[in-house]
N, C-alpha and C. Protein backbone atom coordinates (compact mmCIF):
# COMPACT_ATOMS: atom_id res chain seq x y z
N MET A 1 -188.53 117.52 -122.28
CA MET A 1 -187.06 117.37 -121.83
C MET A 1 -186.83 118.35 -120.69
N GLN A 2 -185.73 118.16 -119.61
CA GLN A 2 -185.43 119.08 -118.47
C GLN A 2 -184.34 120.00 -119.00
N LYS A 3 -184.60 121.28 -119.04
CA LYS A 3 -183.51 122.10 -119.17
C LYS A 3 -182.40 122.61 -117.96
N LEU A 4 -181.33 122.73 -118.39
CA LEU A 4 -180.33 123.06 -117.27
C LEU A 4 -180.48 124.63 -117.23
N ASN A 5 -180.89 125.41 -116.10
CA ASN A 5 -180.97 126.61 -116.02
C ASN A 5 -179.91 127.10 -115.14
N ARG A 6 -178.76 127.38 -115.67
CA ARG A 6 -177.50 127.89 -115.04
C ARG A 6 -177.60 128.77 -114.44
N TRP A 7 -178.59 129.87 -114.67
CA TRP A 7 -178.33 131.30 -113.89
C TRP A 7 -179.32 131.25 -112.69
N THR A 8 -180.43 130.30 -112.60
CA THR A 8 -180.80 129.81 -111.37
C THR A 8 -179.70 129.41 -110.38
N PHE A 9 -179.01 128.66 -111.05
CA PHE A 9 -177.91 127.80 -110.14
C PHE A 9 -176.90 128.71 -109.63
N GLU A 10 -176.41 129.69 -110.36
CA GLU A 10 -175.52 130.85 -109.81
C GLU A 10 -176.23 131.51 -108.96
N ALA A 11 -177.56 132.30 -109.19
CA ALA A 11 -177.88 132.88 -107.85
C ALA A 11 -178.46 131.99 -106.84
N GLN A 12 -178.43 130.48 -106.59
CA GLN A 12 -178.14 129.83 -105.54
C GLN A 12 -176.92 130.18 -104.96
N ILE A 13 -175.67 130.00 -105.83
CA ILE A 13 -174.73 130.01 -105.13
C ILE A 13 -174.24 131.22 -104.31
N MET A 14 -174.65 132.46 -105.15
CA MET A 14 -174.60 133.96 -105.10
C MET A 14 -175.20 134.38 -103.76
N GLN A 15 -176.23 133.64 -102.97
CA GLN A 15 -176.53 133.92 -102.10
C GLN A 15 -175.87 133.77 -100.85
N ASN A 16 -174.53 133.54 -101.02
CA ASN A 16 -173.60 132.95 -100.13
C ASN A 16 -172.67 134.43 -99.93
N ASP A 17 -172.47 134.82 -98.96
CA ASP A 17 -171.85 135.95 -98.41
C ASP A 17 -170.52 136.10 -99.03
N TRP A 18 -169.78 134.86 -98.89
CA TRP A 18 -168.50 135.04 -99.43
C TRP A 18 -168.26 134.69 -101.06
N CYS A 19 -169.42 134.42 -101.70
CA CYS A 19 -169.31 134.36 -103.30
C CYS A 19 -169.36 135.59 -104.08
N THR A 20 -168.51 135.65 -104.98
CA THR A 20 -168.63 137.05 -105.52
C THR A 20 -169.14 136.46 -107.29
N PRO A 21 -169.29 137.15 -108.16
CA PRO A 21 -169.87 136.69 -109.33
C PRO A 21 -168.65 135.84 -110.19
N ALA A 22 -167.38 136.29 -109.81
CA ALA A 22 -166.45 135.58 -110.69
C ALA A 22 -166.37 134.52 -110.07
N THR A 23 -166.30 134.03 -108.88
CA THR A 23 -166.51 132.54 -108.07
C THR A 23 -167.67 131.80 -108.56
N ALA A 24 -168.90 132.36 -108.69
CA ALA A 24 -170.16 132.13 -109.28
C ALA A 24 -169.77 131.22 -110.74
N VAL A 25 -169.07 132.07 -111.56
CA VAL A 25 -168.58 131.60 -112.92
C VAL A 25 -167.98 130.67 -112.85
N VAL A 26 -166.52 130.59 -112.18
CA VAL A 26 -165.43 129.61 -111.96
C VAL A 26 -166.41 128.23 -111.84
N TYR A 27 -167.00 128.25 -110.79
CA TYR A 27 -167.54 127.21 -109.91
C TYR A 27 -168.64 126.57 -111.09
N SER A 28 -169.33 127.41 -111.89
CA SER A 28 -170.24 126.88 -112.63
C SER A 28 -169.27 126.25 -113.86
N TYR A 29 -168.33 127.08 -114.27
CA TYR A 29 -167.50 126.30 -115.48
C TYR A 29 -166.88 124.80 -114.87
N MET A 30 -166.37 125.22 -113.73
CA MET A 30 -165.59 123.67 -113.10
C MET A 30 -166.53 122.57 -113.06
N LEU A 31 -167.79 123.12 -112.53
CA LEU A 31 -168.44 121.87 -112.18
C LEU A 31 -169.24 121.37 -113.58
N SER A 32 -169.29 121.90 -114.72
CA SER A 32 -170.01 121.48 -115.82
C SER A 32 -168.59 120.40 -116.51
N ARG A 33 -167.31 121.11 -116.27
CA ARG A 33 -166.14 120.12 -116.94
C ARG A 33 -166.02 118.81 -116.10
N PHE A 34 -166.12 119.05 -114.64
CA PHE A 34 -165.74 117.86 -113.79
C PHE A 34 -167.05 116.76 -114.11
N THR A 35 -168.31 117.03 -114.45
CA THR A 35 -169.22 116.35 -114.64
C THR A 35 -168.97 115.54 -115.87
N TRP A 36 -168.51 116.37 -117.05
CA TRP A 36 -168.29 115.84 -118.44
C TRP A 36 -167.32 114.65 -118.28
N PHE A 37 -165.92 115.11 -117.34
CA PHE A 37 -164.95 114.20 -117.25
C PHE A 37 -165.32 112.92 -116.58
N LYS A 38 -166.17 113.13 -115.10
CA LYS A 38 -166.60 112.22 -114.45
C LYS A 38 -167.80 110.96 -115.39
N THR A 39 -168.53 111.67 -116.10
CA THR A 39 -169.45 110.92 -116.90
C THR A 39 -168.34 110.01 -117.96
N ASN A 40 -167.15 110.35 -118.22
CA ASN A 40 -166.35 109.95 -119.25
C ASN A 40 -165.27 108.79 -118.51
N LYS A 41 -165.64 108.53 -117.26
CA LYS A 41 -164.50 108.26 -116.34
C LYS A 41 -163.10 108.64 -116.50
N LEU A 42 -162.93 109.93 -116.69
CA LEU A 42 -161.41 110.89 -116.50
C LEU A 42 -161.57 111.48 -115.31
N GLU A 43 -160.44 111.65 -114.68
CA GLU A 43 -159.82 112.66 -113.57
C GLU A 43 -160.02 113.99 -114.27
N TYR A 44 -160.40 114.89 -113.39
CA TYR A 44 -160.41 116.46 -113.91
C TYR A 44 -159.27 117.19 -113.52
N PHE A 45 -158.46 117.66 -114.52
CA PHE A 45 -157.23 118.28 -114.08
C PHE A 45 -156.75 120.00 -115.00
N ASP A 46 -157.89 120.66 -115.23
CA ASP A 46 -157.45 121.75 -115.63
C ASP A 46 -156.76 122.69 -115.14
N SER A 47 -155.67 123.11 -115.71
CA SER A 47 -155.00 124.39 -114.97
C SER A 47 -155.74 125.44 -114.87
N GLN A 48 -155.32 126.33 -113.95
CA GLN A 48 -155.92 127.62 -113.56
C GLN A 48 -156.09 128.57 -114.65
N GLU A 49 -154.87 128.54 -115.36
CA GLU A 49 -154.77 129.32 -116.55
C GLU A 49 -155.72 128.68 -117.67
N GLN A 50 -155.81 127.56 -117.73
CA GLN A 50 -157.10 127.10 -118.48
C GLN A 50 -158.36 127.45 -118.11
N ILE A 51 -158.54 127.56 -117.07
CA ILE A 51 -160.27 128.08 -116.61
C ILE A 51 -160.21 129.71 -116.59
N ALA A 52 -158.98 129.99 -116.38
CA ALA A 52 -159.07 131.48 -116.72
C ALA A 52 -158.98 132.11 -118.27
N ALA A 53 -158.60 131.27 -118.88
CA ALA A 53 -158.79 131.57 -120.47
C ALA A 53 -160.33 131.20 -120.85
N ALA A 54 -160.99 130.21 -120.48
CA ALA A 54 -162.11 129.56 -120.82
C ALA A 54 -163.36 130.61 -120.12
N THR A 55 -163.09 131.24 -119.18
CA THR A 55 -164.15 132.02 -118.44
C THR A 55 -163.79 133.39 -118.57
N ALA A 56 -162.42 133.99 -119.26
CA ALA A 56 -162.22 135.11 -119.25
C ALA A 56 -162.21 136.00 -117.94
N ILE A 57 -161.79 135.57 -117.06
CA ILE A 57 -161.37 135.88 -115.56
C ILE A 57 -160.19 135.88 -115.55
N SER A 58 -159.26 136.43 -114.67
CA SER A 58 -157.97 136.61 -114.86
C SER A 58 -157.44 135.29 -114.08
N ALA A 59 -156.03 134.68 -113.94
CA ALA A 59 -155.66 133.79 -113.48
C ALA A 59 -155.39 134.07 -111.89
N SER A 60 -155.31 135.23 -111.44
CA SER A 60 -155.08 135.53 -110.24
C SER A 60 -156.87 135.28 -109.35
N THR A 61 -157.75 136.10 -109.89
CA THR A 61 -159.04 135.50 -109.54
C THR A 61 -159.79 134.30 -109.71
N VAL A 62 -159.21 133.38 -110.58
CA VAL A 62 -159.29 131.93 -110.74
C VAL A 62 -158.74 131.48 -109.28
N LYS A 63 -157.69 131.82 -109.11
CA LYS A 63 -156.99 131.07 -107.85
C LYS A 63 -157.46 131.27 -106.96
N ARG A 64 -157.71 132.82 -106.59
CA ARG A 64 -158.39 132.86 -105.36
C ARG A 64 -160.20 132.54 -105.44
N SER A 65 -160.67 132.25 -106.19
CA SER A 65 -162.04 131.50 -106.31
C SER A 65 -161.86 130.22 -106.07
N ILE A 66 -160.88 129.59 -106.71
CA ILE A 66 -160.78 127.87 -106.35
C ILE A 66 -160.41 127.86 -104.33
N GLN A 67 -159.39 129.00 -103.84
CA GLN A 67 -159.17 128.59 -102.76
C GLN A 67 -160.90 129.07 -102.06
N ILE A 68 -161.47 130.12 -102.15
CA ILE A 68 -162.73 130.43 -101.55
C ILE A 68 -163.46 128.99 -101.73
N LEU A 69 -163.79 128.12 -102.81
CA LEU A 69 -164.63 127.21 -103.20
C LEU A 69 -164.04 125.80 -102.27
N CYS A 70 -162.63 125.89 -101.94
CA CYS A 70 -162.28 125.09 -101.31
C CYS A 70 -162.62 124.92 -99.76
N GLU A 71 -162.66 126.21 -99.52
CA GLU A 71 -162.76 126.63 -97.92
C GLU A 71 -164.16 126.46 -97.59
N ASN A 72 -165.02 126.56 -98.71
CA ASN A 72 -166.55 126.55 -98.40
C ASN A 72 -167.04 125.30 -98.75
N LYS A 73 -166.29 124.27 -99.00
CA LYS A 73 -166.54 122.81 -99.20
C LYS A 73 -167.16 122.33 -100.81
N TYR A 74 -167.22 123.40 -101.68
CA TYR A 74 -167.64 123.38 -103.10
C TYR A 74 -166.56 122.38 -103.82
N LEU A 75 -165.27 122.45 -103.49
CA LEU A 75 -164.49 121.68 -104.22
C LEU A 75 -163.57 121.32 -103.73
N ASP A 76 -162.79 120.14 -104.03
CA ASP A 76 -161.62 119.73 -103.33
C ASP A 76 -160.55 119.58 -104.34
N SER A 77 -159.08 120.19 -103.67
CA SER A 77 -158.42 120.20 -104.88
C SER A 77 -157.06 119.35 -104.32
N ILE A 78 -156.76 118.33 -104.93
CA ILE A 78 -156.04 117.12 -104.61
C ILE A 78 -154.21 117.35 -105.40
N ALA A 79 -153.77 117.63 -104.85
CA ALA A 79 -152.54 117.65 -105.33
C ALA A 79 -151.64 116.10 -105.77
N VAL A 80 -151.21 116.07 -107.01
CA VAL A 80 -150.85 114.71 -107.76
C VAL A 80 -149.62 114.86 -108.42
N LYS A 81 -148.66 114.02 -108.23
CA LYS A 81 -147.03 114.17 -108.75
C LYS A 81 -147.51 113.45 -109.96
N HIS A 82 -147.01 114.09 -111.19
CA HIS A 82 -146.73 113.54 -112.50
C HIS A 82 -145.41 113.59 -112.73
N GLY A 83 -144.58 112.74 -112.44
CA GLY A 83 -143.34 112.76 -112.84
C GLY A 83 -142.45 113.40 -111.85
N ARG A 84 -142.23 114.79 -112.50
CA ARG A 84 -141.33 115.64 -111.62
C ARG A 84 -142.11 116.86 -111.49
N PHE A 85 -143.59 116.69 -112.00
CA PHE A 85 -144.48 117.99 -111.81
C PHE A 85 -145.72 117.67 -110.74
N LEU A 86 -146.06 118.76 -110.17
CA LEU A 86 -147.31 118.48 -109.26
C LEU A 86 -148.28 119.32 -110.10
N ASN A 87 -149.24 118.36 -110.23
CA ASN A 87 -150.60 119.02 -110.63
C ASN A 87 -151.81 118.79 -109.77
N ASN A 88 -152.70 119.83 -110.08
CA ASN A 88 -154.16 119.28 -109.05
C ASN A 88 -155.10 119.14 -109.68
N LYS A 89 -155.74 118.07 -108.98
CA LYS A 89 -156.92 117.17 -109.50
C LYS A 89 -158.03 117.95 -108.69
N TYR A 90 -159.06 118.40 -109.70
CA TYR A 90 -160.37 118.59 -108.88
C TYR A 90 -161.23 117.60 -108.88
N VAL A 91 -162.05 117.94 -107.65
CA VAL A 91 -163.54 117.29 -107.43
C VAL A 91 -164.13 118.27 -106.98
N VAL A 92 -165.42 118.47 -107.75
CA VAL A 92 -166.36 119.54 -107.55
C VAL A 92 -167.34 119.06 -107.13
N ILE A 93 -167.83 119.54 -106.06
CA ILE A 93 -169.32 118.94 -105.28
C ILE A 93 -170.21 119.83 -106.00
N ASP A 94 -171.32 119.12 -106.39
CA ASP A 94 -172.78 119.48 -106.77
C ASP A 94 -173.46 119.53 -105.56
N VAL A 95 -172.93 120.85 -105.13
CA VAL A 95 -173.89 121.29 -103.85
C VAL A 95 -175.40 121.26 -104.04
N HIS A 96 -175.85 122.13 -104.98
CA HIS A 96 -177.25 122.64 -105.30
C HIS A 96 -177.97 121.57 -106.13
N GLY A 97 -177.23 120.36 -106.65
CA GLY A 97 -177.61 119.44 -107.53
C GLY A 97 -178.13 119.83 -108.87
N THR A 98 -177.18 120.70 -109.42
CA THR A 98 -177.56 121.31 -110.88
C THR A 98 -177.51 119.95 -112.02
N TYR A 99 -176.48 119.02 -111.66
CA TYR A 99 -176.57 118.06 -112.66
C TYR A 99 -177.11 116.52 -112.21
N SER A 100 -177.35 116.42 -110.99
CA SER A 100 -178.38 115.43 -110.44
C SER A 100 -179.50 114.68 -111.03
N ASN A 101 -180.51 115.69 -111.62
CA ASN A 101 -181.87 115.14 -111.85
C ASN A 101 -181.85 115.29 -113.46
N LEU A 102 -180.87 115.67 -113.97
CA LEU A 102 -180.92 115.83 -115.70
C LEU A 102 -181.09 114.43 -116.23
N PRO A 103 -182.00 114.07 -117.25
CA PRO A 103 -182.20 112.98 -117.89
C PRO A 103 -180.85 112.56 -118.33
N ARG A 104 -180.42 111.17 -118.86
CA ARG A 104 -179.26 110.55 -119.66
C ARG A 104 -179.58 110.79 -120.91
N LEU A 105 -178.58 111.45 -122.11
CA LEU A 105 -178.70 111.68 -123.32
C LEU A 105 -178.76 110.50 -124.28
N LYS A 106 -179.28 110.05 -125.03
CA LYS A 106 -179.25 108.94 -126.03
C LYS A 106 -178.36 109.41 -127.05
N VAL A 107 -177.46 108.43 -127.41
CA VAL A 107 -176.78 108.92 -128.73
C VAL A 107 -177.43 108.24 -129.90
N VAL A 108 -177.78 109.03 -130.91
CA VAL A 108 -178.50 108.66 -131.89
C VAL A 108 -177.38 108.16 -133.26
N GLN A 109 -177.46 107.06 -133.73
CA GLN A 109 -176.65 106.65 -134.77
C GLN A 109 -177.40 106.57 -136.12
């Protein structure tokens, strides 16, 4: 069975001059969540505060990391209106092919 080595993946993104450790963690978390939502045919709408809480990174650093990831084409943030509120829908690009070669999991009943 093929294992996902996230540390190797984070080392790949860290080779970019613009990437900080916090940005790598935010990207890794968002890519994992986005992949789960996409696999389940859902859209990915985590708030920046939820991402901050899950990664133990400040909300301001998460916001800055998301901006950096968008500028460098690792992430698309799309504003979507829900009633009176505006939310961000995220499309995370698997630039390094982290999830593209993983085998499908079989559900055992």
